Amino acid sequence: MRAFITGGTGFVGSHLIEQLRKQRDEVIALCRPGSDHKMLESLGAIVRTGDLDKPDSLDAACAGCDVVYHCAARVEIVGTWEEYNRTTIEGTRRLLHAARRAGVRRFVFVSSCGIYHPRLLAHGVTINEFTESPEPPRWFPYARAKYHAEQIVRQQAAQMEWTILRLGYLYGARNRTMKTYLEPVMKGGIMTILGDGSNPMALVHVRDAVQAILLAGKNTDAAGKTLIAGGNEHITQRQYFDAIADGFGLPRVTKSVPYRVAFIAGWLGEYLFRKGPRAAVMRRSAIALTGLPQRINCDYTQKLLDWKPIVKFDDGMREAFEWYRAEYGPASSAHGPVSASTNG
């Protein structure tokens, strides 16, 4: 099989390419001019220089491919609606048109459980593949853009089999978000637990998510369906932040603030902080993602794809921090042994 991947230099895309190559599939990876694609080449991917803004480059990259795995999107939590619209929405539209012109058989759109309106989470709804959601609020542009991109896939993937796969809260090696955004605010004493920290988080290890993506591209029964890849373990917000603090060798977060107070602070933060780690955590979208209960049931997807998440949270976090230490050096400080324990 010949697969075309967007977002190959990113967290999910790089793991997807690695697994495709292990299966001996041919992989074409779209990389923007100037991006570092040495790792993708070392995995055996064929790199094509291009951009979602440039239809000609998409036409050339899609030629002769059997399936498109569309992982690219604007993933930064800070940005203007115009930036999200250009990359996530219009980029998806242009890629769909190119795939259709090239005669691609299957189109897999990698989406997010973040598209579910925070109101559903706040009301304690257990979400599954058939849960309908209103359009996400304007203050959550990442989710809003993914929501509209999904609509484009359903409406415009004519003559192609399509599958939308919504991923849970991802973690694992190569995820630079924790290092870039969470470690600095933990070091600075800014991080707080939202509420009592007992809310569940829909965490799924990147390797498990990638296995679901691969199956979504090959399973004929998945065509025309919107699926969910989430984890099976009950991991709370407090356990998640404890594991991150332990992994970075930092004191665990002990401060807490009521969710409503944090949400108001996030609204103020959107006006006060425009870039950097503080801007990323002090936003209503980040607070909703972290502080609301994420009750996700993906039994339908597991049965349809014959897939089940197998990586345990402790093991996945330990592996992630082994990668961090190899990539960035030793843990930040020596507050006890580095551990991903979820106890306490």
C-alpha atoms as a PDB file:
ATOM      1  CA  MET A   1       0.000   0.000   0.000  1.00  0.00           C
ATOM      2  CA  ARG A   2       1.120   3.536  -0.743  1.00  0.00           C
ATOM      3  CA  ALA A   3       0.148   6.058   1.930  1.00  0.00           C
ATOM      4  CA  PHE A   4       0.355   9.841   1.925  1.00  0.00           C
ATOM      5  CA  ILE A   5       0.832  11.509   5.331  1.00  0.00           C
ATOM      6  CA  THR A   6       0.413  15.143   6.292  1.00  0.00           C
ATOM      7  CA  GLY A   7       1.862  16.329   9.578  1.00  0.00           C
ATOM      8  CA  GLY A   8       4.615  13.717   9.367  1.00  0.00           C
ATOM      9  CA  THR A   9       7.125  15.755  11.359  1.00  0.00           C
ATOM     10  CA  GLY A  10       4.615  16.126  14.210  1.00  0.00           C
ATOM     11  CA  PHE A  11       3.846  13.968  17.229  1.00  0.00           C
ATOM     12  CA  VAL A  12       1.169  11.686  15.756  1.00  0.00           C
ATOM     13  CA  GLY A  13       2.415  11.776  12.169  1.00  0.00           C
ATOM     14  CA  SER A  14       5.938  10.621  13.001  1.00  0.00           C
ATOM     15  CA  HIS A  15       4.646   7.633  14.969  1.00  0.00           C
ATOM     16  CA  LEU A  16       2.227   6.813  12.157  1.00  0.00           C
ATOM     17  CA  ILE A  17       5.020   6.805   9.587  1.00  0.00           C
ATOM     18  CA  GLU A  18       7.122   4.600  11.829  1.00  0.00           C
ATOM     19  CA  GLN A  19       4.344   2.003  12.096  1.00  0.00           C
ATOM     20  CA  LEU A  20       3.523   2.106   8.380  1.00  0.00           C
ATOM     21  CA  ARG A  21       7.146   1.479   7.506  1.00  0.00           C
ATOM     22  CA  LYS A  22       7.287  -1.444   9.957  1.00  0.00           C
ATOM     23  CA  GLN A  23       4.400  -2.906   7.944  1.00  0.00           C
ATOM     24  CA  ARG A  24       6.496  -2.305   4.794  1.00  0.00           C
ATOM     25  CA  ASP A  25       3.999   0.169   3.367  1.00  0.00           C
ATOM     26  CA  GLU A  26       5.370   2.879   1.097  1.00  0.00           C
ATOM     27  CA  VAL A  27       5.030   6.304   2.708  1.00  0.00           C
ATOM     28  CA  ILE A  28       4.962   9.738   1.100  1.00  0.00           C
ATOM     29  CA  ALA A  29       5.356  12.503   3.713  1.00  0.00           C
ATOM     30  CA  LEU A  30       4.490  16.127   3.022  1.00  0.00           C
ATOM     31  CA  CYS A  31       6.986  18.511   4.644  1.00  0.00           C
ATOM     32  CA  ARG A  32       6.979  22.266   4.510  1.00  0.00           C
ATOM     33  CA  PRO A  33      10.033  23.989   2.983  1.00  0.00           C
ATOM     34  CA  GLY A  34      12.751  24.396   5.586  1.00  0.00           C
ATOM     35  CA  SER A  35      11.376  21.809   8.015  1.00  0.00           C
ATOM     36  CA  ASP A  36      13.690  19.174   9.487  1.00  0.00           C
ATOM     37  CA  HIS A  37      12.765  15.855   7.908  1.00  0.00           C
ATOM     38  CA  LYS A  38      15.890  13.829   8.648  1.00  0.00           C
ATOM     39  CA  MET A  39      14.056  11.525  11.045  1.00  0.00           C
ATOM     40  CA  LEU A  40      11.350  10.782   8.458  1.00  0.00           C
ATOM     41  CA  GLU A  41      13.965   9.905   5.880  1.00  0.00           C
ATOM     42  CA  SER A  42      15.712   7.663   8.425  1.00  0.00           C
ATOM     43  CA  LEU A  43      12.409   5.818   8.849  1.00  0.00           C
ATOM     44  CA  GLY A  44      12.258   5.243   5.108  1.00  0.00           C
ATOM     45  CA  ALA A  45       9.622   7.813   4.158  1.00  0.00           C
ATOM     46  CA  ILE A  46       9.757   9.565   0.797  1.00  0.00           C
ATOM     47  CA  VAL A  47       9.689  13.282   1.567  1.00  0.00           C
ATOM     48  CA  ARG A  48       7.802  15.647  -0.706  1.00  0.00           C
ATOM     49  CA  THR A  49       8.232  19.371  -0.133  1.00  0.00           C
ATOM     50  CA  GLY A  50       4.916  21.185  -0.141  1.00  0.00           C
ATOM     51  CA  ASP A  51       2.288  22.971   1.878  1.00  0.00           C
ATOM     52  CA  LEU A  52      -1.443  22.714   2.510  1.00  0.00           C
ATOM     53  CA  ASP A  53      -1.643  26.251   1.101  1.00  0.00           C
ATOM     54  CA  LYS A  54      -0.244  25.089  -2.274  1.00  0.00           C
ATOM     55  CA  PRO A  55      -2.617  22.833  -4.267  1.00  0.00           C
ATOM     56  CA  ASP A  56       0.012  21.949  -6.880  1.00  0.00           C
ATOM     57  CA  SER A  57       2.270  20.408  -4.251  1.00  0.00           C
ATOM     58  CA  LEU A  58      -0.658  18.379  -2.922  1.00  0.00           C
ATOM     59  CA  ASP A  59      -1.551  17.068  -6.373  1.00  0.00           C
ATOM     60  CA  ALA A  60       1.998  15.806  -6.894  1.00  0.00           C
ATOM     61  CA  ALA A  61       2.208  14.198  -3.446  1.00  0.00           C
ATOM     62  CA  CYS A  62      -1.168  12.413  -3.728  1.00  0.00           C
ATOM     63  CA  ALA A  63      -0.416  10.916  -7.131  1.00  0.00           C
ATOM     64  CA  GLY A  64      -0.461   7.121  -7.036  1.00  0.00           C
ATOM     65  CA  CYS A  65      -1.448   6.877  -3.365  1.00  0.00           C
ATOM     66  CA  ASP A  66      -4.055   4.459  -2.033  1.00  0.00           C
ATOM     67  CA  VAL A  67      -4.820   6.237   1.231  1.00  0.00           C
ATOM     68  CA  VAL A  68      -4.346   9.688   2.755  1.00  0.00           C
ATOM     69  CA  TYR A  69      -3.811  10.077   6.492  1.00  0.00           C
ATOM     70  CA  HIS A  70      -4.451  13.724   7.225  1.00  0.00           C
ATOM     71  CA  CYS A  71      -2.746  14.482  10.562  1.00  0.00           C
ATOM     72  CA  ALA A  72      -1.705  18.081   9.914  1.00  0.00           C
ATOM     73  CA  ALA A  73      -3.544  20.922  11.623  1.00  0.00           C
ATOM     74  CA  ARG A  74      -2.790  23.987  13.628  1.00  0.00           C
ATOM     75  CA  VAL A  75      -2.352  22.390  17.049  1.00  0.00           C
ATOM     76  CA  GLU A  76      -1.142  25.396  19.033  1.00  0.00           C
ATOM     77  CA  ILE A  77      -3.734  26.451  21.581  1.00  0.00           C
ATOM     78  CA  VAL A  78      -2.866  30.127  20.965  1.00  0.00           C
ATOM     79  CA  GLY A  79      -3.655  31.724  17.621  1.00  0.00           C
ATOM     80  CA  THR A  80      -6.102  33.763  15.582  1.00  0.00           C
ATOM     81  CA  TRP A  81      -9.163  32.297  13.938  1.00  0.00           C
ATOM     82  CA  GLU A  82      -7.679  33.230  10.556  1.00  0.00           C
ATOM     83  CA  GLU A  83      -4.652  31.008  11.288  1.00  0.00           C
ATOM     84  CA  TYR A  84      -6.807  28.043  12.315  1.00  0.00           C
ATOM     85  CA  ASN A  85      -9.118  28.539   9.354  1.00  0.00           C
ATOM     86  CA  ARG A  86      -6.281  28.719   6.825  1.00  0.00           C
ATOM     87  CA  THR A  87      -4.487  25.589   8.039  1.00  0.00           C
ATOM     88  CA  THR A  88      -7.083  23.282   9.569  1.00  0.00           C
ATOM     89  CA  ILE A  89     -10.203  24.091   7.547  1.00  0.00           C
ATOM     90  CA  GLU A  90      -9.026  25.346   4.154  1.00  0.00           C
ATOM     91  CA  GLY A  91      -5.987  23.058   4.228  1.00  0.00           C
ATOM     92  CA  THR A  92      -8.317  20.081   4.644  1.00  0.00           C
ATOM     93  CA  ARG A  93     -10.502  21.297   1.796  1.00  0.00           C
ATOM     94  CA  ARG A  94      -7.540  21.667  -0.559  1.00  0.00           C
ATOM     95  CA  LEU A  95      -6.157  18.254   0.381  1.00  0.00           C
ATOM     96  CA  LEU A  96      -9.516  16.574  -0.204  1.00  0.00           C
ATOM     97  CA  HIS A  97      -9.744  18.090  -3.673  1.00  0.00           C
ATOM     98  CA  ALA A  98      -6.192  16.969  -4.489  1.00  0.00           C
ATOM     99  CA  ALA A  99      -6.861  13.432  -3.221  1.00  0.00           C
ATOM    100  CA  ARG A 100     -10.016  13.233  -5.281  1.00  0.00           C
ATOM    101  CA  ARG A 101      -8.242  14.430  -8.424  1.00  0.00           C
ATOM    102  CA  ALA A 102      -5.511  11.810  -7.842  1.00  0.00           C
ATOM    103  CA  GLY A 103      -8.039   9.004  -7.478  1.00  0.00           C
ATOM    104  CA  VAL A 104      -7.143   8.209  -3.856  1.00  0.00           C
ATOM    105  CA  ARG A 105      -9.369   5.429  -2.519  1.00  0.00           C
ATOM    106  CA  ARG A 106      -9.386   6.183   1.223  1.00  0.00           C
ATOM    107  CA  PHE A 107      -9.166   9.424   3.248  1.00  0.00           C
ATOM    108  CA  VAL A 108      -8.616   9.280   7.024  1.00  0.00           C
ATOM    109  CA  PHE A 109      -9.073  12.544   8.877  1.00  0.00           C
ATOM    110  CA  VAL A 110      -7.381  12.601  12.278  1.00  0.00           C
ATOM    111  CA  SER A 111      -9.601  14.697  14.518  1.00  0.00           C
ATOM    112  CA  SER A 112      -9.905  15.234  18.267  1.00  0.00           C
ATOM    113  CA  CYS A 113     -12.281  14.560  21.143  1.00  0.00           C
ATOM    114  CA  GLY A 114     -11.760  18.251  21.829  1.00  0.00           C
ATOM    115  CA  ILE A 115     -14.548  18.946  19.325  1.00  0.00           C
ATOM    116  CA  TYR A 116     -17.161  18.005  21.934  1.00  0.00           C
ATOM    117  CA  HIS A 117     -18.690  21.143  23.387  1.00  0.00           C
ATOM    118  CA  PRO A 118     -17.476  21.822  26.962  1.00  0.00           C
ATOM    119  CA  ARG A 119     -21.119  22.022  27.990  1.00  0.00           C
ATOM    120  CA  LEU A 120     -21.437  18.257  27.386  1.00  0.00           C
ATOM    121  CA  LEU A 121     -18.459  17.580  29.628  1.00  0.00           C
ATOM    122  CA  ALA A 122     -19.678  19.961  32.319  1.00  0.00           C
ATOM    123  CA  HIS A 123     -23.019  18.136  32.421  1.00  0.00           C
ATOM    124  CA  GLY A 124     -21.251  14.827  32.970  1.00  0.00           C
ATOM    125  CA  VAL A 125     -22.329  13.281  29.653  1.00  0.00           C
ATOM    126  CA  THR A 126     -20.594  10.029  28.745  1.00  0.00           C
ATOM    127  CA  ILE A 127     -19.621  10.608  25.134  1.00  0.00           C
ATOM    128  CA  ASN A 128     -19.556   7.891  22.493  1.00  0.00           C
ATOM    129  CA  GLU A 129     -19.322   7.702  18.711  1.00  0.00           C
ATOM    130  CA  PHE A 130     -22.991   8.644  18.308  1.00  0.00           C
ATOM    131  CA  THR A 131     -23.025  11.651  20.653  1.00  0.00           C
ATOM    132  CA  GLU A 132     -23.989  14.790  18.775  1.00  0.00           C
ATOM    133  CA  SER A 133     -22.257  17.985  19.776  1.00  0.00           C
ATOM    134  CA  PRO A 134     -23.047  21.634  19.150  1.00  0.00           C
ATOM    135  CA  GLU A 135     -20.378  23.686  17.419  1.00  0.00           C
ATOM    136  CA  PRO A 136     -17.556  24.436  19.888  1.00  0.00           C
ATOM    137  CA  PRO A 137     -17.492  27.976  21.321  1.00  0.00           C
ATOM    138  CA  ARG A 138     -15.575  30.807  19.699  1.00  0.00           C
ATOM    139  CA  TRP A 139     -13.080  30.853  22.555  1.00  0.00           C
ATOM    140  CA  PHE A 140     -11.928  27.353  21.530  1.00  0.00           C
ATOM    141  CA  PRO A 141     -10.679  27.943  17.959  1.00  0.00           C
ATOM    142  CA  TYR A 142      -8.702  24.678  17.723  1.00  0.00           C
ATOM    143  CA  ALA A 143     -11.808  22.588  18.413  1.00  0.00           C
ATOM    144  CA  ARG A 144     -14.015  24.841  16.298  1.00  0.00           C
ATOM    145  CA  ALA A 145     -11.671  24.477  13.323  1.00  0.00           C
ATOM    146  CA  LYS A 146     -11.549  20.677  13.693  1.00  0.00           C
ATOM    147  CA  TYR A 147     -15.342  20.612  13.886  1.00  0.00           C
ATOM    148  CA  HIS A 148     -15.667  22.502  10.585  1.00  0.00           C
ATOM    149  CA  ALA A 149     -12.952  20.413   8.929  1.00  0.00           C
ATOM    150  CA  GLU A 150     -14.924  17.283   9.831  1.00  0.00           C
ATOM    151  CA  GLN A 151     -17.975  18.755   8.106  1.00  0.00           C
ATOM    152  CA  ILE A 152     -15.914  19.343   4.967  1.00  0.00           C
ATOM    153  CA  VAL A 153     -14.735  15.711   4.958  1.00  0.00           C
ATOM    154  CA  ARG A 154     -18.307  14.417   5.204  1.00  0.00           C
ATOM    155  CA  GLN A 155     -19.608  16.760   2.527  1.00  0.00           C
ATOM    156  CA  GLN A 156     -16.776  16.833  -0.003  1.00  0.00           C
ATOM    157  CA  ALA A 157     -15.059  13.442   0.080  1.00  0.00           C
ATOM    158  CA  ALA A 158     -17.078  12.371  -2.948  1.00  0.00           C
ATOM    159  CA  GLN A 159     -15.922   9.212  -4.722  1.00  0.00           C
ATOM    160  CA  MET A 160     -13.662   8.348  -1.779  1.00  0.00           C
ATOM    161  CA  GLU A 161     -14.109   6.228   1.296  1.00  0.00           C
ATOM    162  CA  TRP A 162     -13.600   8.456   4.327  1.00  0.00           C
ATOM    163  CA  THR A 163     -13.209   7.900   8.046  1.00  0.00           C
ATOM    164  CA  ILE A 164     -12.989  10.486  10.812  1.00  0.00           C
ATOM    165  CA  LEU A 165     -11.130   9.356  13.917  1.00  0.00           C
ATOM    166  CA  ARG A 166     -11.332  11.519  17.035  1.00  0.00           C
ATOM    167  CA  LEU A 167      -8.360  10.997  19.327  1.00  0.00           C
ATOM    168  CA  GLY A 168      -8.355  11.387  23.095  1.00  0.00           C
ATOM    169  CA  TYR A 169      -5.815  13.351  25.131  1.00  0.00           C
ATOM    170  CA  LEU A 170      -2.474  12.127  23.728  1.00  0.00           C
ATOM    171  CA  TYR A 171       0.766  11.456  25.564  1.00  0.00           C
ATOM    172  CA  GLY A 172       4.013   9.639  24.809  1.00  0.00           C
ATOM    173  CA  ALA A 173       7.505  10.068  23.403  1.00  0.00           C
ATOM    174  CA  ARG A 174       8.042  12.973  20.952  1.00  0.00           C
ATOM    175  CA  ASN A 175       5.252  15.028  22.478  1.00  0.00           C
ATOM    176  CA  ARG A 176       7.085  18.299  23.055  1.00  0.00           C
ATOM    177  CA  THR A 177       4.041  20.058  24.529  1.00  0.00           C
ATOM    178  CA  MET A 178       4.769  19.006  28.110  1.00  0.00           C
ATOM    179  CA  LYS A 179       8.348  20.257  27.828  1.00  0.00           C
ATOM    180  CA  THR A 180       7.450  23.480  26.047  1.00  0.00           C
ATOM    181  CA  TYR A 181       4.398  24.546  28.035  1.00  0.00           C
ATOM    182  CA  LEU A 182       3.881  22.513  31.213  1.00  0.00           C
ATOM    183  CA  GLU A 183       7.403  22.282  32.628  1.00  0.00           C
ATOM    184  CA  PRO A 184       7.938  26.094  32.654  1.00  0.00           C
ATOM    185  CA  VAL A 185       4.663  26.835  34.459  1.00  0.00           C
ATOM    186  CA  MET A 186       5.322  24.036  36.939  1.00  0.00           C
ATOM    187  CA  LYS A 187       8.803  25.400  37.589  1.00  0.00           C
ATOM    188  CA  GLY A 188       7.391  28.879  38.020  1.00  0.00           C
ATOM    189  CA  GLY A 189       4.786  27.764  40.526  1.00  0.00           C
ATOM    190  CA  ILE A 190       1.967  28.917  38.219  1.00  0.00           C
ATOM    191  CA  MET A 191       0.299  25.551  37.700  1.00  0.00           C
ATOM    192  CA  THR A 192      -2.758  24.785  39.797  1.00  0.00           C
ATOM    193  CA  ILE A 193      -5.119  21.842  40.125  1.00  0.00           C
ATOM    194  CA  LEU A 194      -8.574  22.766  38.811  1.00  0.00           C
ATOM    195  CA  GLY A 195     -11.233  21.826  41.332  1.00  0.00           C
ATOM    196  CA  ASP A 196     -10.251  18.846  43.453  1.00  0.00           C
ATOM    197  CA  GLY A 197      -8.406  17.170  40.560  1.00  0.00           C
ATOM    198  CA  SER A 198     -10.602  14.065  40.572  1.00  0.00           C
ATOM    199  CA  ASN A 199     -12.054  14.599  37.084  1.00  0.00           C
ATOM    200  CA  PRO A 200     -11.182  11.822  34.601  1.00  0.00           C
ATOM    201  CA  MET A 201      -9.072  12.646  31.541  1.00  0.00           C
ATOM    202  CA  ALA A 202      -9.500  10.742  28.273  1.00  0.00           C
ATOM    203  CA  LEU A 203      -5.816   9.864  27.945  1.00  0.00           C
ATOM    204  CA  VAL A 204      -4.574   7.568  25.194  1.00  0.00           C
ATOM    205  CA  HIS A 205      -0.988   6.663  24.384  1.00  0.00           C
ATOM    206  CA  VAL A 206       0.210   7.746  20.961  1.00  0.00           C
ATOM    207  CA  ARG A 207       1.084   4.198  19.861  1.00  0.00           C
ATOM    208  CA  ASP A 208      -2.403   2.993  20.701  1.00  0.00           C
ATOM    209  CA  ALA A 209      -3.902   5.968  18.843  1.00  0.00           C
ATOM    210  CA  VAL A 210      -1.734   5.243  15.805  1.00  0.00           C
ATOM    211  CA  GLN A 211      -2.872   1.621  15.701  1.00  0.00           C
ATOM    212  CA  ALA A 212      -6.464   2.862  15.554  1.00  0.00           C
ATOM    213  CA  ILE A 213      -5.553   5.285  12.757  1.00  0.00           C
ATOM    214  CA  LEU A 214      -3.932   2.500  10.729  1.00  0.00           C
ATOM    215  CA  LEU A 215      -6.949   0.251  11.132  1.00  0.00           C
ATOM    216  CA  ALA A 216      -9.287   3.099  10.178  1.00  0.00           C
ATOM    217  CA  GLY A 217      -7.419   3.339   6.880  1.00  0.00           C
ATOM    218  CA  LYS A 218      -7.657  -0.363   6.102  1.00  0.00           C
ATOM    219  CA  ASN A 219     -10.914  -1.611   7.595  1.00  0.00           C
ATOM    220  CA  THR A 220     -13.669  -1.432   4.982  1.00  0.00           C
ATOM    221  CA  ASP A 221     -16.348  -1.324   7.708  1.00  0.00           C
ATOM    222  CA  ALA A 222     -14.897   1.972   8.972  1.00  0.00           C
ATOM    223  CA  ALA A 223     -15.765   3.799   5.744  1.00  0.00           C
ATOM    224  CA  GLY A 224     -18.241   6.627   6.208  1.00  0.00           C
ATOM    225  CA  LYS A 225     -17.997   6.528   9.996  1.00  0.00           C
ATOM    226  CA  THR A 226     -16.874   8.857  12.772  1.00  0.00           C
ATOM    227  CA  LEU A 227     -14.928   6.909  15.384  1.00  0.00           C
ATOM    228  CA  ILE A 228     -13.176   7.569  18.692  1.00  0.00           C
ATOM    229  CA  ALA A 229      -9.808   6.335  19.963  1.00  0.00           C
ATOM    230  CA  GLY A 230      -9.593   6.864  23.720  1.00  0.00           C
ATOM    231  CA  GLY A 231      -8.004   5.044  26.614  1.00  0.00           C
ATOM    232  CA  ASN A 232      -9.514   2.463  28.949  1.00  0.00           C
ATOM    233  CA  GLU A 233      -7.843   3.502  32.212  1.00  0.00           C
ATOM    234  CA  HIS A 234      -9.419   5.891  34.705  1.00  0.00           C
ATOM    235  CA  ILE A 235      -6.738   8.575  35.085  1.00  0.00           C
ATOM    236  CA  THR A 236      -7.570  11.786  36.917  1.00  0.00           C
ATOM    237  CA  GLN A 237      -6.302  15.301  36.398  1.00  0.00           C
ATOM    238  CA  ARG A 238      -4.313  15.068  39.646  1.00  0.00           C
ATOM    239  CA  GLN A 239      -2.705  11.763  38.652  1.00  0.00           C
ATOM    240  CA  TYR A 240      -1.757  13.246  35.286  1.00  0.00           C
ATOM    241  CA  PHE A 241      -0.044  16.285  36.807  1.00  0.00           C
ATOM    242  CA  ASP A 242       1.606  14.178  39.517  1.00  0.00           C
ATOM    243  CA  ALA A 243       3.155  11.993  36.802  1.00  0.00           C
ATOM    244  CA  ILE A 244       4.397  15.043  34.882  1.00  0.00           C
ATOM    245  CA  ALA A 245       5.907  16.631  37.988  1.00  0.00           C
ATOM    246  CA  ASP A 246       7.615  13.358  38.938  1.00  0.00           C
ATOM    247  CA  GLY A 247       8.915  12.928  35.411  1.00  0.00           C
ATOM    248  CA  PHE A 248      10.478  16.388  35.358  1.00  0.00           C
ATOM    249  CA  GLY A 249      11.846  15.992  38.890  1.00  0.00           C
ATOM    250  CA  LEU A 250       9.702  18.856  40.176  1.00  0.00           C
ATOM    251  CA  PRO A 251       7.499  19.162  43.270  1.00  0.00           C
ATOM    252  CA  ARG A 252       3.959  17.975  42.708  1.00  0.00           C
ATOM    253  CA  VAL A 253       1.299  20.632  42.245  1.00  0.00           C
ATOM    254  CA  THR A 254      -0.477  21.274  45.535  1.00  0.00           C
ATOM    255  CA  LYS A 255      -2.303  24.531  44.851  1.00  0.00           C
ATOM    256  CA  SER A 256      -5.900  24.237  43.688  1.00  0.00           C
ATOM    257  CA  VAL A 257      -8.538  26.683  42.510  1.00  0.00           C
ATOM    258  CA  PRO A 258     -12.272  26.200  41.885  1.00  0.00           C
ATOM    259  CA  TYR A 259     -13.023  25.494  38.246  1.00  0.00           C
ATOM    260  CA  ARG A 260     -15.273  28.554  37.821  1.00  0.00           C
ATOM    261  CA  VAL A 261     -12.599  30.854  39.236  1.00  0.00           C
ATOM    262  CA  ALA A 262     -10.000  29.342  36.899  1.00  0.00           C
ATOM    263  CA  PHE A 263     -12.330  29.741  33.932  1.00  0.00           C
ATOM    264  CA  ILE A 264     -12.735  33.470  34.646  1.00  0.00           C
ATOM    265  CA  ALA A 265      -8.968  33.770  35.030  1.00  0.00           C
ATOM    266  CA  GLY A 266      -8.601  32.056  31.659  1.00  0.00           C
ATOM    267  CA  TRP A 267     -10.891  34.635  30.078  1.00  0.00           C
ATOM    268  CA  LEU A 268      -8.670  37.399  31.484  1.00  0.00           C
ATOM    269  CA  GLY A 269      -5.539  35.520  30.432  1.00  0.00           C
ATOM    270  CA  GLU A 270      -6.635  35.566  26.799  1.00  0.00           C
ATOM    271  CA  TYR A 271      -6.357  39.340  26.869  1.00  0.00           C
ATOM    272  CA  LEU A 272      -3.265  39.637  29.073  1.00  0.00           C
ATOM    273  CA  PHE A 273      -1.030  36.921  27.597  1.00  0.00           C
ATOM    274  CA  ARG A 274      -0.563  36.493  23.866  1.00  0.00           C
ATOM    275  CA  LYS A 275       2.369  34.091  23.672  1.00  0.00           C
ATOM    276  CA  GLY A 276       4.489  31.743  25.736  1.00  0.00           C
ATOM    277  CA  PRO A 277       3.681  29.013  28.287  1.00  0.00           C
ATOM    278  CA  ARG A 278       1.527  31.272  30.458  1.00  0.00           C
ATOM    279  CA  ALA A 279      -0.624  32.173  27.456  1.00  0.00           C
ATOM    280  CA  ALA A 280      -1.122  28.495  26.642  1.00  0.00           C
ATOM    281  CA  VAL A 281      -2.349  27.472  30.098  1.00  0.00           C
ATOM    282  CA  MET A 282      -4.300  30.614  30.973  1.00  0.00           C
ATOM    283  CA  ARG A 283      -6.993  30.224  28.349  1.00  0.00           C
ATOM    284  CA  ARG A 284     -10.564  29.052  28.677  1.00  0.00           C
ATOM    285  CA  SER A 285      -9.925  26.257  26.192  1.00  0.00           C
ATOM    286  CA  ALA A 286      -6.976  24.852  28.175  1.00  0.00           C
ATOM    287  CA  ILE A 287      -8.914  25.096  31.416  1.00  0.00           C
ATOM    288  CA  ALA A 288     -11.951  23.335  29.940  1.00  0.00           C
ATOM    289  CA  LEU A 289      -9.782  20.545  28.508  1.00  0.00           C
ATOM    290  CA  THR A 290      -8.037  20.016  31.830  1.00  0.00           C
ATOM    291  CA  GLY A 291     -10.665  20.750  34.457  1.00  0.00           C
ATOM    292  CA  LEU A 292     -13.859  19.187  33.077  1.00  0.00           C
ATOM    293  CA  PRO A 293     -14.620  15.451  33.324  1.00  0.00           C
ATOM    294  CA  GLN A 294     -13.806  13.663  30.065  1.00  0.00           C
ATOM    295  CA  ARG A 295     -16.017  10.589  30.066  1.00  0.00           C
ATOM    296  CA  ILE A 296     -15.356   8.894  26.729  1.00  0.00           C
ATOM    297  CA  ASN A 297     -16.698   5.491  25.720  1.00  0.00           C
ATOM    298  CA  CYS A 298     -15.237   4.085  22.508  1.00  0.00           C
ATOM    299  CA  ASP A 299     -16.534   0.520  22.752  1.00  0.00           C
ATOM    300  CA  TYR A 300     -18.063   0.776  19.267  1.00  0.00           C
ATOM    301  CA  THR A 301     -14.720   1.707  17.704  1.00  0.00           C
ATOM    302  CA  GLN A 302     -12.907  -1.032  19.598  1.00  0.00           C
ATOM    303  CA  LYS A 303     -15.320  -3.652  18.335  1.00  0.00           C
ATOM    304  CA  LEU A 304     -15.476  -2.337  14.771  1.00  0.00           C
ATOM    305  CA  LEU A 305     -11.710  -2.092  14.328  1.00  0.00           C
ATOM    306  CA  ASP A 306     -10.855  -5.047  16.587  1.00  0.00           C
ATOM    307  CA  TRP A 307      -8.642  -2.592  18.463  1.00  0.00           C
ATOM    308  CA  LYS A 308      -7.937  -2.013  22.124  1.00  0.00           C
ATOM    309  CA  PRO A 309      -5.531   0.390  23.864  1.00  0.00           C
ATOM    310  CA  ILE A 310      -2.841  -1.674  25.562  1.00  0.00           C
ATOM    311  CA  VAL A 311      -0.224   0.794  26.860  1.00  0.00           C
ATOM    312  CA  LYS A 312      -0.600   1.381  30.603  1.00  0.00           C
ATOM    313  CA  PHE A 313      -0.431   4.997  31.755  1.00  0.00           C
ATOM    314  CA  ASP A 314       2.518   4.437  34.120  1.00  0.00           C
ATOM    315  CA  ASP A 315       4.490   2.649  31.401  1.00  0.00           C
ATOM    316  CA  GLY A 316       3.664   5.240  28.762  1.00  0.00           C
ATOM    317  CA  MET A 317       4.663   8.175  30.959  1.00  0.00           C
ATOM    318  CA  ARG A 318       7.877   6.468  32.027  1.00  0.00           C
ATOM    319  CA  GLU A 319       8.748   5.909  28.381  1.00  0.00           C
ATOM    320  CA  ALA A 320       7.884   9.523  27.525  1.00  0.00           C
ATOM    321  CA  PHE A 321      10.285  10.861  30.131  1.00  0.00           C
ATOM    322  CA  GLU A 322      13.025   8.486  29.053  1.00  0.00           C
ATOM    323  CA  TRP A 323      12.680  10.148  25.643  1.00  0.00           C
ATOM    324  CA  TYR A 324      12.696  13.630  27.218  1.00  0.00           C
ATOM    325  CA  ARG A 325      15.910  12.885  29.092  1.00  0.00           C
ATOM    326  CA  ALA A 326      17.544  11.513  25.930  1.00  0.00           C
ATOM    327  CA  GLU A 327      16.379  14.522  23.907  1.00  0.00           C
ATOM    328  CA  TYR A 328      16.833  17.371  26.403  1.00  0.00           C
ATOM    329  CA  GLY A 329      19.126  16.046  29.129  1.00  0.00           C
ATOM    330  CA  PRO A 330      18.544  14.993  32.755  1.00  0.00           C
ATOM    331  CA  ALA A 331      15.436  15.914  34.753  1.00  0.00           C
ATOM    332  CA  SER A 332      15.184  19.522  35.837  1.00  0.00           C
ATOM    333  CA  SER A 333      15.943  19.015  39.528  1.00  0.00           C
ATOM    334  CA  ALA A 334      16.372  16.330  42.119  1.00  0.00           C
ATOM    335  CA  HIS A 335      13.136  16.268  44.111  1.00  0.00           C
ATOM    336  CA  GLY A 336      13.247  12.523  44.649  1.00  0.00           C
ATOM    337  CA  PRO A 337      13.376   9.796  41.994  1.00  0.00           C
ATOM    338  CA  VAL A 338      11.935  10.421  38.571  1.00  0.00           C
ATOM    339  CA  SER A 339       8.745   8.358  38.440  1.00  0.00           C
ATOM    340  CA  ALA A 340       5.472   8.247  36.593  1.00  0.00           C
ATOM    341  CA  SER A 341       3.601   6.809  39.545  1.00  0.00           C
ATOM    342  CA  THR A 342      -0.095   7.657  39.675  1.00  0.00           C
ATOM    343  CA  ASN A 343      -0.351   6.932  43.381  1.00  0.00           C
ATOM    344  CA  GLY A 344      -1.225   9.797  45.691  1.00  0.00           C
END
